[in-house]
Amino acid sequence: MSPYRYRGDVAIADVAFEAWGGTIEELFSAAADATTNTMAENLEGIEDRVRRPIRLEEESTDLLLYRFLEELVYLKDVEGLLLRVPVVRIRRRDGIFALEAEARGEPLDQRRHRLAADVKAVTLHRLRVERTADRWEASVVLDI
């Protein structure tokens, strides 16, 4: 079972999802997969041929997730890459959250990748990252 689910009751013209993980890093990786899976139907079909480092800093986990997912959309739009992010590292120091990750994937190939939706942007609408009693959870809305 995937560590995310799509929500049809949140946004009519957009795609909304909830993601979760036992750690904040697992949550970010799951949210990355949910975002990429919105663009391409078969995540397992994305081969590890290209790697892109991602390094970000923000004062809140909400904005860190927003910028992280926006980076995946940017790399799809500008470089034509479908990427997954299996390993994420997040540290907090002096009130700042620092993220280091390596996105892995390949150029979009319409003969091999069945496209689902064209994600234009991550929105701030209903964006939420929170720690619950037993896991980390997020809500995200993508503009398509």
Foldseek 3Di string as FASTA:
>chain_A
DQQKDWDCPPDPQWTKMKGWDQALFRRLLSVLVVLLCQFFVDPVLFDFDDKDKDKDKDLDPLVVSQVSNQVQLVCCVPVQWRWGWPGKDWDDDPSMIMIITMTGGGHDDVVRTPTRDNFPGKDSVQWDWDDDPRIIMTMTITRD
